[in-house]
Amino acid sequence: MAAIDSKVPVAQIGEFDEIIDVRSPAEYAEDHIPGALSAPVLSNDERARIGTLHKQYSAFDAKKAGAALVARNIAQHLEQKFAERPKNWRPLIYCWRGGQRSGAMTEIFNRIGWRAAQLEGGYKAYRRSVIERLDALPAGLQFRVVCGVTGSGKSRLLRALSAEGAQVLDLEELAQHRGSVLGNLPGAAQPSQKMFETLVLAALQSFDAARPVFVEAESKKVGDVRVPDLLMDAMRASPCLRVEMEMALRIELLKDEYAHFLAQPDLLGTQLDCLTTLHGRERISGWKDLAASGNWDTLVHSLLQDHYDPAYLRGMGRNYTGFGNAAPLPIGAIDTAGMHHAAQRAIELGAAPG
């Protein structure tokens, strides 16, 4: 069996049995190669201590102390995380820039007999490739942009489209946010910007360029993360489908989607305060009173009519060139059957040339 080169480029990531990230837990949490196993050779505190030693004393002292810590941590990983790996296991190992941390583990693993390799350039090279691919991929895909005012079931439609076998890029799911001032998902933290871009790229790379990709019309930001510029440009220049739904159904859907606010009116009030500059204290106070009294239908109707719908229509008309000629897609029911019926019609419309 041919030997694996000790260092391999980003293009060969998919050729290995497992990808091992030996950076600190904090580095891993910010972003990592999809599917990579975290096996830090220095903890967050240990990495900080070695850095301080390097600055305040000498590189030699830092390397000596760091080597001892790295050796102990690799030994622990060998006894625990990697104890059951077979003889023919082929791991790819990376650190920040393909230096000493990943080099140490790669050397030890190869001495054991595993066919380990080190990612050339480390995470920095991978991150550079993410940026390059995000600049290149969107232009080669056929997007079909799902438009529609707030509460018209766009997210449910995307899930139904996915279940019907269509290609779907769900940016709000990847961002863990519903995209508005009330869009924080309870108990879910948003990914970092780098991780969001990693997830977006993984989705884009999974698509067949010969088939349409359905995506919801978004603003440049989804919560605290930004949609990559070239993806945003491609979406804004793509054909649109316009979801249409009666107000009563929209209110019902939103009460279901945002049930956490119904259970915690004070939490809703805090979020509504963010709209004071736009609507003034009197209107915000009135909305809070409706929430406190449980008059949800009236509150949701007013929020849609006075805030969300006008803002949405202004933004869509200004930013999405296909919005004015969008194919209408009526949705008459918000249950599973209704959404799947709408998804089937969307697939028919999406198949038409853009």
Protein backbone atom coordinates (compact mmCIF):
# COMPACT_ATOMS: atom_id res chain seq x y z
CA MET A 1 0.00 0.00 0.00
CA ALA A 2 1.37 3.40 -1.02
CA ALA A 3 2.37 5.71 1.77
CA ILE A 4 0.39 8.88 2.41
CA ASP A 5 2.31 12.13 2.04
CA SER A 6 3.00 13.61 5.46
CA LYS A 7 1.34 16.88 4.37
CA VAL A 8 -1.67 17.12 2.08
CA PRO A 9 -3.59 20.10 0.64
CA VAL A 10 -7.17 21.10 1.44
CA ALA A 11 -8.37 19.48 -1.79
CA GLN A 12 -7.62 16.03 -0.33
CA ILE A 13 -9.65 16.41 2.87
CA GLY A 14 -12.29 13.95 1.68
CA GLU A 15 -9.80 11.11 1.14
CA PHE A 16 -9.33 10.26 4.84
CA ASP A 17 -11.21 8.09 7.31
CA GLU A 18 -11.41 10.82 9.94
CA ILE A 19 -10.41 14.44 10.42
CA ILE A 20 -8.82 15.37 13.75
CA ASP A 21 -8.77 18.98 15.01
CA VAL A 22 -6.02 19.36 17.61
CA ARG A 23 -6.59 23.08 18.28
CA SER A 24 -7.95 24.28 21.62
CA PRO A 25 -11.67 23.82 22.41
CA ALA A 26 -12.24 27.56 21.96
CA GLU A 27 -10.72 27.53 18.48
CA TYR A 28 -12.79 24.47 17.57
CA ALA A 29 -16.00 26.08 18.88
CA GLU A 30 -15.51 29.16 16.72
CA ASP A 31 -15.19 27.12 13.52
CA HIS A 32 -13.91 23.78 12.30
CA ILE A 33 -13.96 21.52 9.27
CA PRO A 34 -17.40 19.82 9.14
CA GLY A 35 -17.27 16.43 10.83
CA ALA A 36 -13.87 17.01 12.45
CA LEU A 37 -13.31 15.39 15.86
CA SER A 38 -11.97 17.72 18.55
CA ALA A 39 -8.87 16.25 20.18
CA PRO A 40 -7.01 19.27 21.59
CA VAL A 41 -3.34 18.85 22.39
CA LEU A 42 -3.53 22.02 24.51
CA SER A 43 -6.57 23.13 26.52
CA ASN A 44 -7.72 26.74 26.42
CA ASP A 45 -5.85 27.51 29.65
CA GLU A 46 -2.74 25.60 28.60
CA ARG A 47 -2.57 27.43 25.28
CA ALA A 48 -2.86 30.78 27.08
CA ARG A 49 -0.12 29.80 29.55
CA ILE A 50 2.27 28.77 26.79
CA GLY A 51 1.60 32.00 24.93
CA THR A 52 2.35 34.03 28.05
CA LEU A 53 5.55 32.04 28.62
CA HIS A 54 6.63 32.75 25.05
CA LYS A 55 6.07 36.50 25.46
CA GLN A 56 7.47 36.97 28.94
CA TYR A 57 10.40 34.53 28.91
CA SER A 58 11.58 32.79 25.74
CA ALA A 59 10.50 30.67 22.80
CA PHE A 60 12.71 27.85 24.13
CA ASP A 61 11.00 27.79 27.53
CA ALA A 62 7.58 27.92 25.86
CA LYS A 63 8.41 25.05 23.49
CA LYS A 64 9.79 22.89 26.32
CA ALA A 65 6.74 23.41 28.52
CA GLY A 66 4.38 23.07 25.59
CA ALA A 67 5.97 19.81 24.45
CA ALA A 68 5.36 18.26 27.86
CA LEU A 69 1.71 19.29 27.83
CA VAL A 70 1.20 18.15 24.24
CA ALA A 71 2.78 14.76 24.99
CA ARG A 72 0.52 14.22 28.01
CA ASN A 73 -2.60 15.20 26.11
CA ILE A 74 -1.79 13.02 23.10
CA ALA A 75 -1.19 10.10 25.47
CA GLN A 76 -4.60 10.68 27.03
CA HIS A 77 -6.27 10.77 23.62
CA LEU A 78 -4.52 7.54 22.64
CA GLU A 79 -5.82 5.83 25.75
CA GLN A 80 -9.35 7.18 25.39
CA LYS A 81 -10.56 8.64 22.07
CA PHE A 82 -8.39 6.56 19.75
CA ALA A 83 -7.99 3.34 21.68
CA GLU A 84 -10.26 1.36 19.36
CA ARG A 85 -9.05 2.68 15.98
CA PRO A 86 -7.92 -0.17 13.67
CA LYS A 87 -4.43 -0.64 12.25
CA ASN A 88 -5.44 0.60 8.77
CA TRP A 89 -7.01 3.83 10.06
CA ARG A 90 -6.17 6.92 7.94
CA PRO A 91 -6.64 10.17 9.90
CA LEU A 92 -6.01 13.72 8.68
CA ILE A 93 -4.79 16.02 11.45
CA TYR A 94 -4.82 19.81 11.52
CA CYS A 95 -4.07 22.73 13.83
CA TRP A 96 -4.07 26.50 13.28
CA ARG A 97 -1.48 26.68 10.49
CA GLY A 98 -0.18 23.14 10.06
CA GLY A 99 2.64 23.54 12.54
CA GLN A 100 3.84 21.94 15.72
CA ARG A 101 0.57 20.87 17.34
CA SER A 102 -0.69 18.82 14.40
CA GLY A 103 2.87 17.82 13.49
CA ALA A 104 3.43 16.23 16.89
CA MET A 105 0.29 14.12 16.73
CA THR A 106 0.91 13.13 13.10
CA GLU A 107 4.44 11.97 13.92
CA ILE A 108 3.30 9.87 16.88
CA PHE A 109 0.38 8.34 14.98
CA ASN A 110 2.64 7.33 12.09
CA ARG A 111 5.15 5.84 14.52
CA ILE A 112 2.35 3.70 15.92
CA GLY A 113 1.53 2.45 12.41
CA TRP A 114 -1.51 4.46 11.41
CA ARG A 115 -1.36 6.21 8.03
CA ALA A 116 -1.77 9.74 9.37
CA ALA A 117 -1.29 12.96 7.41
CA GLN A 118 -1.10 16.63 8.33
CA LEU A 119 -3.24 19.27 6.62
CA GLU A 120 -0.86 21.60 4.82
CA GLY A 121 -1.40 25.14 6.05
CA GLY A 122 -3.81 23.91 8.74
CA TYR A 123 -7.09 25.62 9.53
CA LYS A 124 -5.85 28.87 7.94
CA ALA A 125 -5.56 27.13 4.57
CA TYR A 126 -8.99 25.58 5.01
CA ARG A 127 -10.50 28.95 5.93
CA ARG A 128 -8.92 30.54 2.87
CA SER A 129 -10.47 27.84 0.69
CA VAL A 130 -13.90 28.49 2.25
CA ILE A 131 -13.72 32.16 1.29
CA GLU A 132 -12.57 31.32 -2.24
CA ARG A 133 -15.32 28.74 -2.77
CA LEU A 134 -18.02 31.04 -1.39
CA ASP A 135 -16.96 33.59 -3.98
CA ALA A 136 -17.11 31.06 -6.82
CA LEU A 137 -19.97 28.63 -6.19
CA PRO A 138 -23.13 30.83 -6.05
CA ALA A 139 -22.79 32.05 -9.66
CA GLY A 140 -23.02 28.47 -10.92
CA LEU A 141 -26.29 27.59 -9.13
CA GLN A 142 -29.91 28.17 -10.18
CA PHE A 143 -31.64 29.81 -7.24
CA ARG A 144 -35.41 30.09 -6.88
CA VAL A 145 -36.11 32.69 -4.22
CA VAL A 146 -39.14 32.09 -2.00
CA CYS A 147 -40.66 35.47 -1.17
CA GLY A 148 -43.65 36.36 0.96
CA VAL A 149 -44.58 38.61 3.83
CA THR A 150 -43.87 37.59 7.42
CA GLY A 151 -45.94 34.66 8.61
CA SER A 152 -46.77 33.32 5.16
CA GLY A 153 -45.11 29.98 5.83
CA LYS A 154 -41.84 30.34 3.92
CA SER A 155 -39.79 28.31 6.40
CA ARG A 156 -42.39 25.54 6.53
CA LEU A 157 -42.48 25.53 2.76
CA LEU A 158 -38.70 25.08 2.60
CA ARG A 159 -38.95 22.09 4.94
CA ALA A 160 -41.73 20.62 2.80
CA LEU A 161 -39.67 21.22 -0.34
CA SER A 162 -36.76 19.34 1.21
CA ALA A 163 -39.06 16.46 2.15
CA GLU A 164 -40.26 16.36 -1.48
CA GLY A 165 -36.67 15.92 -2.66
CA ALA A 166 -36.00 19.48 -3.80
CA GLN A 167 -32.67 21.18 -3.17
CA VAL A 168 -33.04 23.69 -0.34
CA LEU A 169 -30.69 26.24 1.18
CA ASP A 170 -32.24 27.15 4.54
CA LEU A 171 -30.15 30.08 5.72
CA GLU A 172 -32.28 30.68 8.83
CA GLU A 173 -31.79 27.09 9.94
CA LEU A 174 -28.03 27.36 9.43
CA ALA A 175 -27.98 30.71 11.26
CA GLN A 176 -30.23 29.47 14.09
CA HIS A 177 -32.34 32.62 13.74
CA ARG A 178 -35.61 33.60 12.08
CA GLY A 179 -34.19 36.78 10.65
CA SER A 180 -36.18 39.51 12.40
CA VAL A 181 -36.04 41.48 15.65
CA LEU A 182 -38.14 38.70 17.19
CA GLY A 183 -36.17 35.95 15.49
CA ASN A 184 -33.98 34.59 18.30
CA LEU A 185 -34.63 30.89 18.78
CA PRO A 186 -35.13 30.01 22.46
CA GLY A 187 -32.22 28.00 23.83
CA ALA A 188 -30.23 28.17 20.60
CA ALA A 189 -27.07 30.23 20.18
CA GLN A 190 -26.15 31.47 16.73
CA PRO A 191 -22.95 30.12 15.17
CA SER A 192 -19.96 32.39 14.71
CA GLN A 193 -19.65 34.14 11.35
CA LYS A 194 -16.90 31.72 10.33
CA MET A 195 -18.94 28.67 11.30
CA PHE A 196 -21.98 30.03 9.48
CA GLU A 197 -19.91 30.42 6.32
CA THR A 198 -18.55 26.88 6.75
CA LEU A 199 -22.10 25.53 7.00
CA VAL A 200 -23.27 27.57 4.00
CA LEU A 201 -20.38 26.29 1.90
CA ALA A 202 -21.07 22.68 2.89
CA ALA A 203 -24.67 23.12 1.73
CA LEU A 204 -23.69 24.80 -1.55
CA GLN A 205 -21.18 22.06 -2.34
CA SER A 206 -23.88 19.41 -1.91
CA PHE A 207 -26.10 20.82 -4.68
CA ASP A 208 -26.45 19.61 -8.25
CA ALA A 209 -25.92 22.68 -10.45
CA ALA A 210 -28.33 21.27 -13.04
CA ARG A 211 -31.27 21.49 -10.62
CA PRO A 212 -32.84 24.57 -8.98
CA VAL A 213 -32.02 25.49 -5.38
CA PHE A 214 -34.87 26.96 -3.32
CA VAL A 215 -33.87 29.65 -0.82
CA GLU A 216 -35.85 32.16 1.21
CA ALA A 217 -35.38 35.85 0.45
CA GLU A 218 -33.21 37.20 3.24
CA SER A 219 -31.66 40.47 4.29
CA LYS A 220 -27.88 40.76 4.35
CA LYS A 221 -27.92 39.77 8.02
CA VAL A 222 -29.73 36.86 9.65
CA GLY A 223 -29.57 37.80 13.28
CA ASP A 224 -25.89 38.49 13.99
CA VAL A 225 -24.41 36.68 10.98
CA ARG A 226 -23.98 38.02 7.45
CA VAL A 227 -24.93 36.18 4.28
CA PRO A 228 -21.82 35.94 2.05
CA ASP A 229 -21.77 38.80 -0.46
CA LEU A 230 -21.61 36.79 -3.69
CA LEU A 231 -24.39 34.49 -2.50
CA MET A 232 -26.50 37.53 -1.66
CA ASP A 233 -25.88 38.97 -5.14
CA ALA A 234 -26.87 35.70 -6.82
CA MET A 235 -30.07 35.43 -4.77
CA ARG A 236 -31.10 39.00 -5.50
CA ALA A 237 -30.70 38.46 -9.25
CA SER A 238 -32.68 35.18 -9.31
CA PRO A 239 -36.31 34.39 -10.22
CA CYS A 240 -38.80 34.61 -7.34
CA LEU A 241 -41.86 32.72 -6.13
CA ARG A 242 -44.31 34.78 -4.07
CA VAL A 243 -46.07 32.90 -1.28
CA GLU A 244 -49.60 34.17 -0.60
CA MET A 245 -51.64 33.42 2.54
CA GLU A 246 -54.74 34.88 4.17
CA MET A 247 -54.18 37.05 7.26
CA ALA A 248 -56.10 34.71 9.58
CA LEU A 249 -53.82 31.81 8.64
CA ARG A 250 -50.72 33.95 9.04
CA ILE A 251 -51.79 34.90 12.56
CA GLU A 252 -52.42 31.24 13.42
CA LEU A 253 -49.04 30.22 12.04
CA LEU A 254 -47.15 32.94 13.89
CA LYS A 255 -48.79 32.13 17.21
CA ASP A 256 -47.61 28.56 16.73
CA GLU A 257 -44.09 29.49 15.58
CA TYR A 258 -43.57 32.02 18.38
CA ALA A 259 -45.32 30.17 21.21
CA HIS A 260 -42.42 31.05 23.54
CA PHE A 261 -43.52 34.70 23.44
CA LEU A 262 -47.10 33.73 24.30
CA ALA A 263 -45.73 31.93 27.34
CA GLN A 264 -43.43 34.87 28.28
CA PRO A 265 -45.02 38.22 27.36
CA ASP A 266 -42.28 40.10 29.21
CA LEU A 267 -39.68 38.60 26.88
CA LEU A 268 -41.69 39.85 23.91
CA GLY A 269 -41.89 43.29 25.49
CA THR A 270 -38.11 43.48 25.75
CA GLN A 271 -37.78 42.69 22.06
CA LEU A 272 -40.48 45.17 21.09
CA ASP A 273 -38.46 47.91 22.78
CA CYS A 274 -36.01 47.56 19.89
CA LEU A 275 -38.69 49.05 17.60
CA THR A 276 -39.25 52.20 19.68
CA THR A 277 -37.22 54.42 17.34
CA LEU A 278 -39.37 53.34 14.39
CA HIS A 279 -42.81 53.40 16.01
CA GLY A 280 -42.62 55.58 19.09
CA ARG A 281 -43.29 54.82 22.73
CA GLU A 282 -47.07 55.08 22.47
CA ARG A 283 -47.44 52.34 19.88
CA ILE A 284 -44.89 50.09 21.63
CA SER A 285 -46.78 50.56 24.89
CA GLY A 286 -50.02 49.60 23.15
CA TRP A 287 -48.45 46.42 21.76
CA LYS A 288 -47.14 45.51 25.20
CA ASP A 289 -50.61 46.02 26.70
CA LEU A 290 -52.09 43.64 24.10
CA ALA A 291 -49.47 41.04 24.98
CA ALA A 292 -50.05 41.44 28.72
CA SER A 293 -53.79 40.98 28.28
CA GLY A 294 -53.35 37.93 26.02
CA ASN A 295 -54.98 39.63 23.03
CA TRP A 296 -52.64 37.86 20.66
CA ASP A 297 -54.68 37.94 17.46
CA THR A 298 -55.02 41.72 17.61
CA LEU A 299 -51.34 42.15 18.51
CA VAL A 300 -50.08 39.91 15.69
CA HIS A 301 -52.41 41.59 13.17
CA SER A 302 -51.14 45.02 14.17
CA LEU A 303 -47.48 43.97 14.09
CA LEU A 304 -47.92 42.57 10.60
CA GLN A 305 -50.00 45.44 9.24
CA ASP A 306 -48.06 48.32 10.80
CA HIS A 307 -44.49 47.03 10.90
CA TYR A 308 -43.57 43.82 9.13
CA ASP A 309 -45.56 44.00 5.89
CA PRO A 310 -44.61 47.57 4.89
CA ALA A 311 -40.94 46.98 5.74
CA TYR A 312 -40.85 43.68 3.87
CA LEU A 313 -42.46 45.00 0.72
CA ARG A 314 -40.17 48.03 0.62
CA GLY A 315 -37.08 45.87 1.03
CA MET A 316 -38.12 43.26 -1.52
CA GLY A 317 -39.00 45.80 -4.18
CA ARG A 318 -35.66 47.52 -3.68
CA ASN A 319 -33.38 44.49 -3.44
CA TYR A 320 -34.79 41.55 -5.43
CA THR A 321 -35.03 42.18 -9.16
CA GLY A 322 -37.42 39.27 -9.75
CA PHE A 323 -39.92 40.24 -7.05
CA GLY A 324 -42.15 42.29 -9.34
CA ASN A 325 -42.60 39.33 -11.71
CA ALA A 326 -42.69 36.63 -9.03
CA ALA A 327 -44.90 33.63 -9.76
CA PRO A 328 -47.74 33.53 -7.18
CA LEU A 329 -47.88 30.51 -4.87
CA PRO A 330 -51.08 30.47 -2.77
CA ILE A 331 -51.04 28.41 0.44
CA GLY A 332 -54.48 27.56 1.80
CA ALA A 333 -53.52 25.37 4.78
CA ILE A 334 -50.59 25.41 7.19
CA ASP A 335 -50.70 21.73 8.16
CA THR A 336 -48.34 19.14 6.71
CA ALA A 337 -50.63 18.24 3.83
CA GLY A 338 -51.16 21.87 2.88
CA MET A 339 -47.44 22.61 2.89
CA HIS A 340 -46.58 19.54 0.85
CA HIS A 341 -49.22 20.46 -1.73
CA ALA A 342 -47.66 23.93 -1.95
CA ALA A 343 -44.18 22.40 -2.21
CA GLN A 344 -45.21 20.27 -5.16
CA ARG A 345 -46.56 23.36 -6.93
CA ALA A 346 -43.37 25.27 -6.08
CA ILE A 347 -41.29 22.51 -7.66
CA GLU A 348 -43.36 22.83 -10.84
CA LEU A 349 -42.90 26.59 -10.89
CA GLY A 350 -39.22 26.32 -10.03
CA ALA A 351 -38.58 24.02 -12.96
CA ALA A 352 -39.54 26.78 -15.40
CA PRO A 353 -36.55 28.55 -17.00
CA GLY A 354 -35.38 31.55 -14.99
